[in-house]
Amino acid sequence: MKDAAAEPSARPVLVTGATGLVGAAVVRHLLAEGVAVRILRRDASRMDLLGSAATRVEHATGDVTDPDAVREAVRGTEAVFHVAGVVALAPSARRRVFAVNALGAAHVVDACLAEGVSSLVHTSSIAALGRPEATGTGRVVLDETAVWTPSKTNTAYAESKRAGEREALRGAAEGLRAVVVNPALVFGAGRADEGTGSVVERLRRGRLPAAPPGATAVVDVEDVAAGHVA
């Protein structure tokens, strides 16, 4: 006799940002688990990273900055993976990153609460942990205990991801079962003109002239997706 609790839900799971590097990997992992998937995407979104998975999911068209489109996409779903986000470090991108990463997250949380979604997995970032002061050794190791420290070195992107994460935690305080994921620098088979893919492409072409001092952490996109689904 099968455990009914282990059976896939009849209702779909929504994935925002499903046409990006992380979102597409999350979709593939969900489909591999036999989960019905709905994606929220923009009209102009490229489908290349989804590959054949694009034909195996339900499509909802809209933008996370539109609360009505978000609520319509969330309606009737069992759970939501909010992966959509903008990665941009230029000061000129401040308005855009806050509109998508912070306000977009608020729209998703509000829709989940209004539509009675059982759970939310929110994709934040290691950037949301901020840049705490270095220890006497000059090294800083960030983990779940890290406390955000206001600093001029915090980018608008980092601030926007922190704001989005706080929206997810606000949803948890209001009764939503929410999990926040903080990936580091994500690498994987993706687009050579976007994100970490552009770094790899510049290195491949010998156009990365220098490596700055400091350190970071990296993670494979397939591990990130597996962690989301788990």
Protein backbone atom coordinates (compact mmCIF):
# COMPACT_ATOMS: atom_id res chain seq x y z
CA MET A 1 0.00 0.00 0.00
CA LYS A 2 1.38 3.38 -0.99
CA ASP A 3 1.70 6.23 1.47
CA ALA A 4 -0.86 8.80 0.36
CA ALA A 5 1.30 11.59 1.76
CA ALA A 6 4.05 10.62 -0.67
CA GLU A 7 1.82 10.81 -3.73
CA PRO A 8 2.31 13.88 -5.96
CA SER A 9 -0.32 16.57 -5.46
CA ALA A 10 -3.04 16.89 -8.08
CA ARG A 11 -2.49 20.64 -7.96
CA PRO A 12 0.53 22.06 -9.78
CA VAL A 13 3.53 23.74 -8.24
CA LEU A 14 4.35 27.24 -9.51
CA VAL A 15 7.90 28.24 -10.42
CA THR A 16 8.67 31.90 -11.09
CA GLY A 17 11.87 32.72 -12.95
CA ALA A 18 11.62 29.31 -14.63
CA THR A 19 13.40 30.45 -17.79
CA GLY A 20 16.58 31.44 -15.93
CA LEU A 21 19.55 29.29 -14.93
CA VAL A 22 18.33 28.28 -11.46
CA GLY A 23 14.61 28.29 -12.25
CA ALA A 24 14.99 26.00 -15.26
CA ALA A 25 17.00 23.54 -13.18
CA VAL A 26 14.32 23.60 -10.46
CA VAL A 27 11.67 22.85 -13.09
CA ARG A 28 13.63 19.89 -14.43
CA HIS A 29 14.13 18.46 -10.94
CA LEU A 30 10.42 18.83 -10.12
CA LEU A 31 9.39 17.12 -13.33
CA ALA A 32 11.82 14.29 -12.57
CA GLU A 33 9.96 13.83 -9.27
CA GLY A 34 6.65 13.55 -11.12
CA VAL A 35 5.37 16.93 -9.94
CA ALA A 36 2.96 18.92 -12.12
CA VAL A 37 4.54 22.31 -12.81
CA ARG A 38 3.19 25.69 -13.81
CA ILE A 39 5.62 28.48 -14.69
CA LEU A 40 5.20 32.25 -14.62
CA ARG A 41 7.13 33.85 -17.44
CA ARG A 42 7.17 37.05 -19.46
CA ASP A 43 6.07 37.18 -23.10
CA ALA A 44 9.64 37.75 -24.26
CA SER A 45 11.25 35.05 -22.11
CA ARG A 46 13.69 32.71 -23.85
CA MET A 47 12.90 29.00 -23.51
CA ASP A 48 16.33 27.61 -24.37
CA LEU A 49 17.32 26.64 -20.83
CA LEU A 50 14.09 24.72 -20.30
CA GLY A 51 14.57 22.69 -23.45
CA SER A 52 11.95 19.96 -23.80
CA ALA A 53 10.66 20.76 -20.31
CA ALA A 54 8.98 23.84 -21.81
CA THR A 55 6.41 21.56 -23.44
CA ARG A 56 5.74 19.64 -20.23
CA VAL A 57 4.66 22.53 -18.04
CA GLU A 58 1.67 24.84 -17.84
CA HIS A 59 2.47 28.41 -18.84
CA ALA A 60 1.19 31.55 -17.12
CA THR A 61 2.26 34.80 -18.74
CA GLY A 62 3.07 37.84 -16.65
CA ASP A 63 5.67 39.62 -14.56
CA VAL A 64 6.32 39.45 -10.83
CA THR A 65 6.06 43.24 -10.69
CA ASP A 66 2.36 42.88 -11.61
CA PRO A 67 0.41 41.76 -8.52
CA ASP A 68 -2.65 40.72 -10.52
CA ALA A 69 -0.60 38.51 -12.84
CA VAL A 70 1.16 36.96 -9.86
CA ARG A 71 -2.07 36.18 -8.03
CA GLU A 72 -3.59 34.64 -11.16
CA ALA A 73 -0.51 32.44 -11.59
CA VAL A 74 -0.53 31.39 -7.92
CA ARG A 75 -4.24 30.56 -7.88
CA GLY A 76 -4.87 26.82 -7.68
CA THR A 77 -1.28 25.82 -6.92
CA GLU A 78 -0.07 23.66 -4.07
CA ALA A 79 3.28 25.36 -3.49
CA VAL A 80 5.41 28.10 -5.00
CA PHE A 81 9.11 28.28 -5.82
CA HIS A 82 9.87 31.99 -6.16
CA VAL A 83 13.10 31.98 -8.15
CA ALA A 84 12.58 35.08 -10.31
CA GLY A 85 15.11 37.84 -9.76
CA VAL A 86 17.39 40.35 -11.40
CA VAL A 87 21.15 40.19 -10.88
CA ALA A 88 22.61 43.61 -11.59
CA LEU A 89 25.36 45.44 -9.70
CA ALA A 90 25.42 48.80 -11.49
CA PRO A 91 24.05 51.72 -9.40
CA SER A 92 21.81 52.64 -12.34
CA ALA A 93 19.95 49.33 -11.91
CA ARG A 94 18.79 50.12 -8.37
CA ARG A 95 15.16 50.85 -9.27
CA ARG A 96 14.88 47.71 -11.40
CA VAL A 97 16.42 45.31 -8.88
CA PHE A 98 14.18 46.60 -6.09
CA ALA A 99 11.08 46.39 -8.30
CA VAL A 100 11.76 42.74 -9.10
CA ASN A 101 13.69 41.39 -6.12
CA ALA A 102 11.85 43.17 -3.31
CA LEU A 103 8.43 44.27 -4.57
CA GLY A 104 8.11 41.14 -6.70
CA ALA A 105 8.74 39.00 -3.62
CA ALA A 106 6.06 40.94 -1.72
CA HIS A 107 3.56 40.23 -4.51
CA VAL A 108 4.36 36.52 -4.42
CA VAL A 109 4.04 36.32 -0.63
CA ASP A 110 0.74 38.24 -0.67
CA ALA A 111 -0.63 35.96 -3.39
CA CYS A 112 0.42 32.83 -1.49
CA LEU A 113 -1.33 34.05 1.65
CA ALA A 114 -4.47 35.10 -0.22
CA GLU A 115 -4.73 31.85 -2.21
CA GLY A 116 -3.98 29.48 0.67
CA VAL A 117 -0.78 28.05 -0.80
CA SER A 118 0.70 25.41 1.49
CA SER A 119 4.34 26.45 1.23
CA LEU A 120 6.81 28.82 -0.39
CA VAL A 121 10.47 28.29 -1.25
CA HIS A 122 12.05 31.69 -1.74
CA THR A 123 15.34 32.04 -3.62
CA SER A 124 17.44 34.64 -1.87
CA SER A 125 21.21 34.99 -2.18
CA ILE A 126 24.40 34.90 -0.19
CA ALA A 127 24.45 38.64 -0.98
CA ALA A 128 21.52 39.08 1.42
CA LEU A 129 23.85 38.16 4.30
CA GLY A 130 25.77 41.39 3.78
CA ARG A 131 29.45 42.06 4.42
CA PRO A 132 30.27 41.77 8.13
CA GLU A 133 33.55 43.09 9.45
CA ALA A 134 36.56 40.81 9.04
CA THR A 135 38.05 39.03 12.03
CA GLY A 136 41.65 39.45 13.18
CA THR A 137 42.71 36.95 10.54
CA GLY A 138 41.17 39.08 7.83
CA ARG A 139 38.82 36.26 6.87
CA VAL A 140 35.04 36.25 7.03
CA VAL A 141 33.00 33.06 6.87
CA LEU A 142 29.28 33.59 6.35
CA ASP A 143 26.63 31.13 7.49
CA GLU A 144 23.06 31.23 8.79
CA THR A 145 24.16 33.13 11.90
CA ALA A 146 25.45 36.12 9.89
CA VAL A 147 23.94 39.47 10.85
CA TRP A 148 23.39 42.16 8.22
CA THR A 149 25.74 45.08 8.75
CA PRO A 150 24.92 48.40 7.04
CA SER A 151 27.84 49.36 4.85
CA LYS A 152 28.61 51.49 1.82
CA THR A 153 30.05 48.36 0.23
CA ASN A 154 26.62 46.67 0.18
CA THR A 155 25.31 46.83 -3.38
CA ALA A 156 21.76 47.73 -4.35
CA TYR A 157 21.43 44.12 -5.49
CA ALA A 158 22.37 42.85 -2.02
CA GLU A 159 19.96 45.27 -0.38
CA SER A 160 17.16 44.25 -2.73
CA LYS A 161 17.72 40.54 -2.07
CA ARG A 162 17.71 41.19 1.67
CA ALA A 163 14.44 43.09 1.28
CA GLY A 164 12.94 40.21 -0.70
CA GLU A 165 14.07 37.72 1.92
CA ARG A 166 12.43 39.81 4.62
CA GLU A 167 9.16 39.63 2.64
CA ALA A 168 9.37 35.83 2.72
CA LEU A 169 9.99 35.92 6.48
CA ARG A 170 7.08 38.33 6.83
CA GLY A 171 4.93 35.73 5.10
CA ALA A 172 6.15 33.11 7.57
CA ALA A 173 5.17 35.39 10.45
CA GLU A 174 1.69 35.61 8.91
CA GLY A 175 1.29 31.84 8.77
CA LEU A 176 2.88 30.84 5.47
CA ARG A 177 5.25 27.87 5.57
CA ALA A 178 8.26 29.54 4.01
CA VAL A 179 11.82 28.37 3.38
CA VAL A 180 14.57 30.76 2.30
CA VAL A 181 17.48 29.49 0.20
CA ASN A 182 20.72 31.51 0.03
CA PRO A 183 22.84 30.21 -2.85
CA ALA A 184 26.37 31.46 -3.39
CA LEU A 185 27.79 32.12 -6.87
CA VAL A 186 25.87 29.68 -9.09
CA PHE A 187 27.58 28.06 -12.06
CA GLY A 188 26.13 25.67 -14.60
CA ALA A 189 25.34 25.06 -18.24
CA GLY A 190 23.54 28.25 -19.21
CA ARG A 191 23.83 31.31 -21.41
CA ALA A 192 27.22 32.77 -22.29
CA ASP A 193 25.80 36.30 -22.23
CA GLU A 194 24.28 36.19 -18.75
CA GLY A 195 25.46 36.05 -15.15
CA THR A 196 28.25 33.66 -14.28
CA GLY A 197 28.11 32.33 -17.83
CA SER A 198 29.51 35.64 -19.08
CA VAL A 199 32.41 35.32 -16.62
CA VAL A 200 33.24 31.86 -17.95
CA GLU A 201 32.98 33.09 -21.54
CA ARG A 202 35.30 36.03 -20.92
CA LEU A 203 37.80 33.73 -19.24
CA ARG A 204 37.58 31.29 -22.14
CA ARG A 205 38.33 34.07 -24.61
CA GLY A 206 41.18 35.49 -22.55
CA ARG A 207 39.26 38.70 -21.88
CA LEU A 208 39.30 38.53 -18.10
CA PRO A 209 42.38 40.65 -17.42
CA ALA A 210 42.56 40.37 -13.65
CA ALA A 211 41.17 38.65 -10.59
CA PRO A 212 40.33 40.93 -7.66
CA PRO A 213 41.50 40.16 -4.13
CA GLY A 214 39.13 38.41 -1.78
CA ALA A 215 37.15 35.20 -1.84
CA THR A 216 33.74 33.84 -2.64
CA ALA A 217 31.83 30.57 -2.62
CA VAL A 218 30.54 28.71 -5.65
CA VAL A 219 27.86 26.08 -6.15
CA ASP A 220 26.64 23.96 -9.05
CA VAL A 221 23.19 24.85 -10.33
CA GLU A 222 22.05 21.22 -10.16
CA ASP A 223 22.89 21.14 -6.44
CA VAL A 224 21.00 24.39 -5.93
CA ALA A 225 17.94 22.96 -7.68
CA ALA A 226 18.11 19.73 -5.70
CA GLY A 227 18.28 21.74 -2.50
CA HIS A 228 15.21 23.74 -3.49
CA VAL A 229 13.18 20.62 -4.19
CA ALA A 230 14.37 18.91 -1.00
